Protein backbone atom coordinates (compact mmCIF):
# COMPACT_ATOMS: atom_id res chain seq x y z
CA MET A 1 0.03 0.02 -0.02
CA THR A 2 1.26 3.51 -0.76
CA THR A 3 2.83 5.28 2.11
CA GLY A 4 3.00 9.09 2.35
CA ARG A 5 4.95 11.46 4.67
CA GLY A 6 5.04 10.47 8.27
CA GLY A 7 4.49 6.84 7.35
CA ARG A 8 0.72 7.28 6.80
CA THR A 9 -0.85 5.11 4.14
CA VAL A 10 -3.67 6.07 1.90
CA ARG A 11 -6.00 4.05 4.11
CA ASP A 12 -4.74 5.98 7.12
CA LEU A 13 -5.53 9.29 5.36
CA ARG A 14 -8.98 8.10 4.37
CA ARG A 15 -9.68 6.86 7.82
CA GLY A 16 -8.63 10.33 9.25
CA ASN A 17 -10.71 12.24 6.62
CA ARG A 18 -13.79 10.09 7.58
CA SER A 19 -13.09 10.57 11.19
CA ALA A 20 -12.79 14.44 10.78
CA VAL A 21 -16.18 14.64 9.04
CA LEU A 22 -17.90 12.49 11.44
CA GLN A 23 -16.72 14.29 14.55
CA ARG A 24 -17.35 17.72 13.07
CA LEU A 25 -20.93 16.78 12.27
CA TYR A 26 -21.50 14.98 15.46
CA PHE A 27 -20.29 17.74 17.77
CA GLY A 28 -20.93 20.75 15.51
CA GLY A 29 -24.41 20.10 14.40
CA PRO A 30 -25.78 19.80 10.86
CA MET A 31 -23.52 21.37 8.18
CA SER A 32 -23.43 21.68 4.41
CA ARG A 33 -20.69 20.22 2.32
CA GLN A 34 -19.42 23.71 1.68
CA GLU A 35 -19.14 24.40 5.43
CA LEU A 36 -17.33 21.20 6.21
CA GLY A 37 -14.25 22.11 4.04
CA PRO A 38 -13.15 24.95 6.26
CA ALA A 39 -14.45 23.26 9.38
CA THR A 40 -12.20 20.22 8.80
CA GLY A 41 -9.39 21.63 6.74
CA LEU A 42 -10.22 19.19 3.81
CA SER A 43 -10.42 20.07 0.19
CA SER A 44 -13.82 20.29 -1.43
CA GLY A 45 -12.90 17.03 -3.42
CA SER A 46 -11.99 15.24 -0.27
CA VAL A 47 -15.11 16.32 1.49
CA SER A 48 -17.20 15.19 -1.47
CA ASN A 49 -15.66 11.78 -1.55
CA VAL A 50 -15.88 11.18 2.27
CA VAL A 51 -19.43 12.38 2.39
CA GLY A 52 -20.45 10.10 -0.49
CA GLU A 53 -18.76 7.12 1.45
CA LEU A 54 -20.44 8.02 4.60
CA VAL A 55 -23.92 8.41 3.05
CA ALA A 56 -23.46 5.11 1.19
CA ASP A 57 -22.55 3.45 4.51
CA GLY A 58 -25.79 4.88 5.99
CA LEU A 59 -23.83 6.93 8.60
CA LEU A 60 -24.93 10.31 7.26
CA GLU A 61 -28.29 11.65 6.29
CA GLU A 62 -29.87 14.86 5.06
CA ALA A 63 -31.04 17.29 7.83
CA GLY A 64 -32.90 19.88 5.76
CA VAL A 65 -32.01 22.66 3.29
CA VAL A 66 -30.77 26.28 3.85
CA ASP A 67 -30.67 29.22 1.51
CA SER A 68 -27.29 30.42 0.34
CA ASP A 69 -26.39 34.01 -0.71
CA GLY A 70 -27.32 34.29 -4.28
CA GLY A 71 -26.66 30.61 -5.02
CA ARG A 72 -28.53 27.27 -5.00
CA PRO A 73 -29.99 26.06 -1.56
CA ARG A 74 -27.48 24.02 0.48
CA THR A 75 -28.28 20.59 1.85
CA LEU A 76 -27.39 20.09 5.49
CA LEU A 77 -25.93 16.77 6.69
CA ARG A 78 -25.85 15.15 10.04
CA VAL A 79 -24.82 11.75 11.52
CA ALA A 80 -27.75 9.42 11.31
CA PRO A 81 -28.81 8.61 14.86
CA GLY A 82 -30.27 5.21 14.06
CA SER A 83 -27.24 3.97 12.15
CA ALA A 84 -25.61 2.37 15.15
CA HIS A 85 -26.19 1.62 18.79
CA MET A 86 -24.03 1.49 21.86
CA ILE A 87 -24.47 -0.14 25.32
CA GLY A 88 -23.25 1.61 28.48
CA VAL A 89 -22.91 -0.29 31.81
CA ASP A 90 -22.38 1.38 35.21
CA VAL A 91 -21.16 -1.12 37.77
CA GLY A 92 -22.29 0.91 40.77
CA GLU A 93 -22.28 0.61 44.44
CA THR A 94 -25.75 -0.58 44.93
CA ARG A 95 -26.87 -1.76 41.38
CA VAL A 96 -25.68 -2.44 37.89
CA ARG A 97 -27.31 -0.07 35.42
CA VAL A 98 -27.41 -1.09 31.64
CA GLU A 99 -28.60 1.34 28.97
CA LEU A 100 -28.88 1.07 25.22
CA PHE A 101 -28.39 4.27 23.13
CA ASP A 102 -28.61 5.23 19.50
CA LEU A 103 -25.68 7.16 17.89
CA ALA A 104 -26.97 10.47 19.12
CA LEU A 105 -26.84 9.07 22.83
CA THR A 106 -30.54 9.04 22.95
CA GLU A 107 -31.59 6.39 25.47
CA LEU A 108 -33.58 3.58 23.82
CA ALA A 109 -33.81 1.18 26.90
CA ARG A 110 -32.54 0.55 30.33
CA ALA A 111 -32.25 -2.12 32.95
CA GLU A 112 -31.30 -1.75 36.64
CA LEU A 113 -30.33 -4.77 38.58
CA PRO A 114 -29.75 -4.38 42.45
CA LEU A 115 -26.80 -5.84 44.17
CA GLN A 116 -27.84 -7.85 47.17
CA PRO A 117 -26.77 -7.58 49.93
CA ARG A 118 -25.85 -3.85 49.64
CA GLY A 119 -22.38 -3.41 48.34
CA CYS A 120 -21.76 -7.07 47.48
CA TYR A 121 -19.10 -7.06 44.72
CA ASP A 122 -18.89 -10.86 44.05
CA VAL A 123 -17.86 -10.88 40.44
CA GLY A 124 -20.05 -13.76 39.40
CA PRO A 125 -23.40 -12.13 40.16
CA ILE A 126 -22.13 -8.78 38.69
CA VAL A 127 -21.24 -10.54 35.42
CA ASP A 128 -24.56 -12.20 35.32
CA HIS A 129 -26.28 -8.95 35.96
CA VAL A 130 -24.43 -7.44 32.91
CA ARG A 131 -25.42 -10.40 30.68
CA THR A 132 -29.03 -10.06 31.78
CA GLY A 133 -29.12 -6.41 31.50
CA ILE A 134 -27.71 -6.59 27.85
CA ALA A 135 -30.35 -9.09 26.86
CA ALA A 136 -33.10 -7.01 28.49
CA VAL A 137 -32.25 -3.75 26.86
CA LEU A 138 -31.95 -5.27 23.32
CA ALA A 139 -35.28 -7.03 23.83
CA GLN A 140 -37.00 -3.90 25.05
CA ALA A 141 -35.84 -1.92 22.10
CA GLY A 142 -36.33 -4.80 19.62
CA ALA A 143 -32.74 -4.29 18.58
CA GLY A 144 -30.37 -6.83 17.25
CA THR A 145 -26.49 -6.75 17.58
CA ASP A 146 -25.77 -6.11 13.88
CA ARG A 147 -25.44 -2.28 14.47
CA LEU A 148 -24.12 -2.55 17.91
CA LEU A 149 -20.63 -0.70 18.17
CA GLY A 150 -19.73 -2.12 21.44
CA VAL A 151 -20.42 -2.47 25.09
CA GLY A 152 -18.79 0.15 27.37
CA VAL A 153 -18.43 -0.69 31.05
CA GLY A 154 -17.56 1.67 33.85
CA VAL A 155 -16.20 -0.02 37.06
CA PRO A 156 -14.52 0.97 40.35
CA GLY A 157 -10.79 0.48 40.53
CA ILE A 158 -7.77 0.42 38.27
CA VAL A 159 -8.27 -1.09 34.88
CA ASP A 160 -5.41 -2.71 32.90
CA ARG A 161 -6.69 -2.52 29.35
CA GLU A 162 -3.47 -4.03 27.93
CA ALA A 163 -3.61 -7.22 29.89
CA PRO A 164 -3.22 -10.42 27.93
CA GLY A 165 -6.69 -11.90 27.34
CA GLY A 166 -8.46 -8.62 27.83
CA ALA A 167 -9.05 -5.86 30.43
CA VAL A 168 -8.29 -6.76 34.10
CA VAL A 169 -9.72 -4.83 37.03
CA HIS A 170 -7.70 -4.11 40.20
CA GLY A 171 -10.34 -2.98 42.64
CA GLN A 172 -8.84 -3.05 46.11
CA THR A 173 -11.66 -1.17 47.79
CA ILE A 174 -14.20 -3.87 46.45
CA GLY A 175 -12.13 -6.95 46.87
CA TRP A 176 -11.24 -7.49 43.21
CA ASP A 177 -7.74 -8.57 42.75
CA ALA A 178 -6.80 -8.77 39.15
CA VAL A 179 -10.24 -9.91 37.99
CA PRO A 180 -10.19 -10.75 34.23
CA LEU A 181 -13.58 -8.90 33.66
CA GLU A 182 -13.41 -8.69 29.86
CA ALA A 183 -12.78 -12.54 29.49
CA LEU A 184 -15.62 -13.23 32.02
CA LEU A 185 -18.14 -10.97 30.11
CA ARG A 186 -16.95 -12.34 26.81
CA ALA A 187 -17.63 -15.99 28.10
CA THR A 188 -21.36 -15.15 28.75
CA GLY A 189 -22.08 -14.95 25.01
CA ALA A 190 -24.18 -11.86 25.60
CA VAL A 191 -22.92 -10.35 22.37
CA PRO A 192 -21.23 -11.81 19.31
CA PRO A 193 -17.34 -12.04 19.29
CA GLU A 194 -17.08 -9.14 16.85
CA VAL A 195 -18.66 -6.73 19.29
CA PRO A 196 -16.11 -5.40 21.66
CA TYR A 197 -16.26 -4.91 25.39
CA ILE A 198 -14.46 -1.68 26.40
CA ILE A 199 -13.86 -1.49 30.17
CA ASP A 200 -12.61 1.57 32.04
CA ASN A 201 -12.63 3.29 35.42
CA GLY A 202 -16.04 4.85 36.27
CA ALA A 203 -14.62 8.23 37.18
CA ARG A 204 -13.02 8.47 33.69
CA THR A 205 -16.27 7.53 31.98
CA LEU A 206 -18.13 10.21 34.03
CA GLY A 207 -15.35 12.71 33.04
CA GLN A 208 -15.65 11.99 29.28
CA ALA A 209 -19.43 12.38 29.48
CA GLU A 210 -19.30 15.71 31.25
CA MET A 211 -16.58 16.99 28.84
CA TRP A 212 -18.40 15.87 25.75
CA PHE A 213 -22.05 16.79 26.70
CA GLY A 214 -22.21 18.32 30.02
CA ALA A 215 -20.72 21.06 32.35
CA GLY A 216 -17.18 20.40 31.06
CA ARG A 217 -17.87 21.24 27.52
CA GLY A 218 -15.49 24.06 26.37
CA ALA A 219 -12.85 23.50 29.00
CA ARG A 220 -9.39 22.22 28.02
CA GLU A 221 -8.19 21.37 31.63
CA ALA A 222 -10.59 19.92 34.17
CA VAL A 223 -11.07 17.56 36.93
CA VAL A 224 -14.35 15.54 37.25
CA VAL A 225 -15.05 14.05 40.65
CA LEU A 226 -17.14 10.87 40.97
CA PHE A 227 -18.57 11.05 44.63
CA GLY A 228 -20.54 8.01 45.58
CA SER A 229 -19.97 5.49 48.38
CA GLY A 230 -16.32 6.29 47.90
CA VAL A 231 -14.67 9.05 45.79
CA GLY A 232 -12.54 9.14 42.73
CA ALA A 233 -11.66 11.66 39.97
CA SER A 234 -10.57 11.96 36.44
CA LEU A 235 -7.98 14.49 35.13
CA ILE A 236 -8.51 15.92 31.66
CA THR A 237 -5.64 17.93 30.23
CA ASP A 238 -6.49 18.02 26.55
CA GLY A 239 -10.09 18.73 26.30
CA SER A 240 -11.60 20.16 23.03
CA PRO A 241 -13.89 23.30 23.03
CA GLU A 242 -16.01 21.41 20.54
CA GLY A 243 -16.29 18.18 22.41
CA GLY A 244 -14.81 15.02 20.85
CA THR A 245 -12.15 12.60 21.83
CA THR A 246 -10.93 13.28 25.42
CA ALA A 247 -8.17 11.34 27.09
CA GLY A 248 -8.91 11.40 30.78
CA THR A 249 -6.56 9.95 33.38
CA PRO A 250 -8.22 8.21 36.32
CA LEU A 251 -6.91 9.53 39.66
CA GLU A 252 -7.10 7.31 42.88
CA TRP A 253 -7.75 10.72 44.49
CA GLY A 254 -9.89 9.23 47.31
CA HIS A 255 -6.80 7.50 48.64
CA LEU A 256 -4.73 10.55 49.27
CA THR A 257 -3.64 10.67 52.98
CA VAL A 258 -5.40 13.46 54.67
CA SER A 259 -4.92 12.39 58.30
CA VAL A 260 -1.94 10.51 59.42
CA ARG A 261 -3.09 7.53 61.51
CA GLY A 262 -6.62 8.65 60.84
CA ARG A 263 -9.83 6.67 60.13
CA ARG A 264 -9.42 3.40 58.49
CA CYS A 265 -10.55 3.42 54.71
CA ARG A 266 -12.26 0.51 53.10
CA CYS A 267 -8.89 0.09 51.10
CA GLY A 268 -7.34 -0.87 54.35
CA ALA A 269 -5.01 2.21 54.74
CA LEU A 270 -5.43 4.88 57.45
CA GLY A 271 -6.50 8.52 56.97
CA CYS A 272 -7.63 8.36 53.26
CA LEU A 273 -9.67 11.17 51.96
CA GLU A 274 -12.39 8.55 51.09
CA ALA A 275 -12.66 7.72 54.82
CA TYR A 276 -13.93 11.29 55.51
CA THR A 277 -15.84 12.14 52.26
CA GLY A 278 -17.35 9.06 50.72
CA ALA A 279 -21.07 8.49 51.41
CA GLU A 280 -20.28 5.20 53.30
CA SER A 281 -17.97 6.94 55.78
CA LEU A 282 -20.15 10.03 56.06
CA LEU A 283 -23.04 7.80 57.22
CA GLU A 284 -20.77 5.93 59.47
CA ARG A 285 -19.73 9.27 61.20
CA TRP A 286 -23.26 10.17 61.55
CA SER A 287 -24.22 6.97 63.24
CA GLU A 288 -21.18 7.06 65.60
CA ARG A 289 -22.43 10.42 66.85
CA GLY A 290 -25.93 9.24 67.59
CA GLY A 291 -27.60 9.87 64.28
CA GLY A 292 -28.64 7.50 61.57
CA ALA A 293 -31.45 6.15 59.45
CA GLY A 294 -31.88 2.64 60.75
CA GLY A 295 -34.68 1.63 58.44
CA ALA A 296 -33.07 2.99 55.21
CA ALA A 297 -33.09 0.53 52.32
CA ASP A 298 -29.80 1.80 50.82
CA GLU A 299 -27.14 4.48 51.11
CA GLU A 300 -29.07 6.93 48.96
CA GLU A 301 -32.13 6.75 51.23
CA ALA A 302 -29.85 7.06 54.28
CA LEU A 303 -28.17 10.07 52.91
CA SER A 304 -31.48 11.65 52.18
CA ALA A 305 -32.39 11.23 55.88
CA LEU A 306 -29.24 12.92 56.99
CA LEU A 307 -29.92 15.89 54.67
CA ALA A 308 -33.53 16.11 56.04
CA ALA A 309 -32.08 16.11 59.40
CA ALA A 310 -29.70 18.88 58.55
CA VAL A 311 -32.50 21.07 56.98
CA ALA A 312 -34.24 20.53 60.33
CA ALA A 313 -31.27 22.07 62.00
CA ASP A 314 -30.18 18.87 63.68
CA PRO A 315 -26.70 19.80 65.15
CA VAL A 316 -25.08 16.40 64.62
CA ALA A 317 -26.20 16.24 61.00
CA LEU A 318 -24.98 19.75 60.50
CA GLU A 319 -21.67 18.96 62.06
CA VAL A 320 -21.13 15.95 59.87
CA LEU A 321 -21.95 17.86 56.62
CA GLU A 322 -19.70 20.76 57.53
CA GLU A 323 -16.87 18.40 58.43
CA THR A 324 -17.30 16.57 55.02
CA ALA A 325 -17.40 19.85 53.10
CA GLU A 326 -14.10 20.89 54.80
CA TYR A 327 -12.31 17.55 53.90
CA LEU A 328 -13.72 17.61 50.40
CA GLY A 329 -12.44 21.27 49.94
CA ALA A 330 -9.10 20.24 51.33
CA GLY A 331 -8.91 17.33 49.04
CA LEU A 332 -9.80 19.61 46.06
CA SER A 333 -7.06 21.99 47.07
CA ASP A 334 -4.52 19.27 46.36
CA VAL A 335 -5.94 18.83 42.90
CA ILE A 336 -5.85 22.58 42.32
CA ASN A 337 -2.27 23.03 43.54
CA LEU A 338 -1.03 20.00 41.57
CA PHE A 339 -2.87 20.40 38.35
CA ARG A 340 -4.20 23.91 38.05
CA PRO A 341 -7.49 22.99 36.23
CA GLU A 342 -9.89 25.53 34.77
CA ARG A 343 -12.84 23.65 36.18
CA ILE A 344 -13.65 21.06 38.90
CA LEU A 345 -17.01 19.22 38.42
CA ILE A 346 -18.54 17.12 41.09
CA GLY A 347 -20.86 14.29 40.00
CA GLY A 348 -21.93 10.89 41.17
CA TRP A 349 -25.14 10.15 42.97
CA ALA A 350 -23.89 11.37 46.43
CA GLY A 351 -22.21 14.45 44.89
CA LEU A 352 -25.42 15.47 43.12
CA LEU A 353 -27.40 14.84 46.28
CA LEU A 354 -25.12 16.54 48.74
CA GLY A 355 -24.03 19.37 46.27
CA PRO A 356 -26.81 21.92 46.78
CA HIS A 357 -26.31 21.68 50.57
CA ILE A 358 -22.55 21.92 50.81
CA LEU A 359 -21.13 23.26 47.47
CA PRO A 360 -20.66 26.84 48.93
CA ALA A 361 -18.61 25.57 51.85
CA VAL A 362 -16.60 23.20 49.64
CA ARG A 363 -15.61 26.21 47.50
CA GLU A 364 -14.66 28.27 50.51
CA HIS A 365 -12.54 25.52 51.97
CA ALA A 366 -10.88 24.67 48.69
CA ALA A 367 -9.91 28.38 48.30
CA ARG A 368 -8.62 28.56 51.86
CA TYR A 369 -6.36 25.49 51.42
CA SER A 370 -5.05 26.27 47.98
CA LEU A 371 -2.45 28.64 46.63
CA ARG A 372 -4.12 31.88 45.52
CA HIS A 373 -3.11 31.95 41.92
CA PRO A 374 -4.44 28.58 40.90
CA ALA A 375 -7.47 29.01 43.13
CA ASP A 376 -8.35 32.31 41.39
CA ARG A 377 -8.62 30.60 38.07
CA VAL A 378 -10.60 27.47 38.82
CA THR A 379 -14.54 27.17 39.10
CA ILE A 380 -16.06 24.45 41.25
CA ASP A 381 -19.59 23.26 40.14
CA LEU A 382 -21.85 20.30 40.01
CA GLY A 383 -22.02 18.06 36.90
CA SER A 384 -24.85 18.57 34.66
CA LEU A 385 -25.68 15.21 33.34
CA GLY A 386 -27.35 13.70 36.45
CA PRO A 387 -27.07 10.19 37.96
CA ASP A 388 -26.90 8.52 34.41
CA ALA A 389 -23.56 10.23 33.66
CA VAL A 390 -21.39 7.15 34.33
CA THR A 391 -23.61 5.03 31.96
CA VAL A 392 -23.58 7.75 29.27
CA GLY A 393 -19.80 8.00 29.64
CA ALA A 394 -19.46 4.17 29.34
CA ALA A 395 -21.40 4.34 26.01
CA THR A 396 -18.84 7.03 24.74
CA LEU A 397 -16.09 4.42 24.94
CA PRO A 398 -17.28 2.44 21.82
CA LEU A 399 -18.33 5.76 20.28
CA SER A 400 -14.70 6.98 20.68
CA ALA A 401 -13.47 3.76 18.90
CA PHE A 402 -16.13 4.51 16.15
CA PHE A 403 -14.63 8.01 15.52
CA ALA A 404 -11.07 6.76 15.65
CA THR A 405 -11.75 4.14 12.96
CA GLY A 406 -13.70 6.59 10.80
CA GLY A 407 -16.95 4.85 11.38
CA ARG A 408 -15.70 1.38 10.39
CA PRO A 409 -15.48 -1.63 12.74
CA ALA A 410 -12.02 -1.90 14.39
CA PRO A 411 -10.17 -4.94 12.98
CA ARG A 412 -9.96 -7.86 15.32
CA PRO A 413 -6.45 -9.14 16.04
CA ALA A 414 -5.68 -12.30 13.96
CA GLN A 415 -5.78 -15.54 15.79
CA PRO A 416 -2.37 -17.21 15.82
CA GLU A 417 -1.95 -20.31 13.83
CA PRO A 418 -1.70 -23.54 15.90
CA PRO A 419 1.75 -25.13 16.00
CA GLY A 420 2.31 -28.08 13.74
CA TRP A 421 2.43 -30.62 16.53
CA HIS A 422 -1.02 -29.52 17.65
CA THR A 423 -2.39 -30.10 14.16
CA SER A 424 -0.85 -33.49 13.96
CA LEU A 425 -2.23 -34.56 17.27
CA ALA A 426 -5.70 -33.31 16.18
CA VAL A 427 -5.57 -35.22 12.97
CA ARG A 428 -4.62 -38.45 14.67
CA ALA A 429 -7.39 -37.96 17.17
CA GLY A 430 -9.85 -37.37 14.41
CA SER A 431 -10.84 -33.89 15.50
CA PRO A 432 -10.32 -30.52 13.79
CA ALA A 433 -7.30 -28.43 15.00
CA ARG A 434 -7.88 -25.64 17.26
CA PRO A 435 -5.63 -22.65 18.19
CA ALA A 436 -3.46 -23.49 21.14
């Protein structure tokens, strides 16, 4: 194949051109062919060729006609929402949420499967929940897997996506020690082998969703906090003002030491930020001081009871919330001093529930504990996508791959040929050879 400057082949150039057009139309709204040239930097001939290919592939469709100055009306183009589907999975603290989306990230179906008992992270039931949820959303929407770009999965912990055999999850706080999650999900047969599973840290999926579609849009440097039973964060240092591919770095921010020989964290260490700010520890501290919601069904209900007590001016509830706000602000000051982001966004079910009550105090404490210059340039707000943001972010993982490949399925790695001795043994045994 012909290779150009920089080692790029003609196929690479064509894929890059397709990707540029798809992303510009996806994040920039309907455009005419004439507008796409300046917007993407492609020649009119290249735009015409790429648009023709994408229309033939069913990925673009007409979105109306606009008048032009003294010329013929121009046809607007957009990415066809129904041309592909994505599944997003949020492995949360109390349930597994599975949602099916079209290419425009419109929700088509959802399934929520509770974890019993609360916080039980045995991998077997979780894998079964994901399998059941995938089958349920496809059945609800009457959709097949022929247009499914992939299944994105957001999980707690550190994800090694380069591990042999597929992504492996290291989730110390939930008792997952090198869990081969991708292989386990693949073994369920929930989707055909050609449909990829893309697994990543839940804070990173939340960050990508907020940067693409939410309160992070337009920022180049941001930190997005996932505040649930525990806390984590994602650092974005190369955001695009128009949205699009964003490489977030998961931060195990909840395991910064904020109190030497302090409270024991669920990771096993002493004095972690999570031991003072996660919903689980917040509720424990309330209970230790004589509060508590004994009849609560889950952490969300218990946290709502604490907030109700605070609104009623209960001194213990108010003390716990103020203490939490100060620790959270101090933890954010470390992020501010280290990374100097433009924006900090707080999401996750607990963050969104607590935010209206503690956000002013969090801002005040973050400024007090930070250096003045980086503190003066940062804004601290709540995420805007609501409790579904991790699931939406998980669905953007296969969407990112879709853009990177120019709207074509990513090639699967070739299976290695079995060694000669394996073939000989298989022939002698009268069975077909299989890869070793």
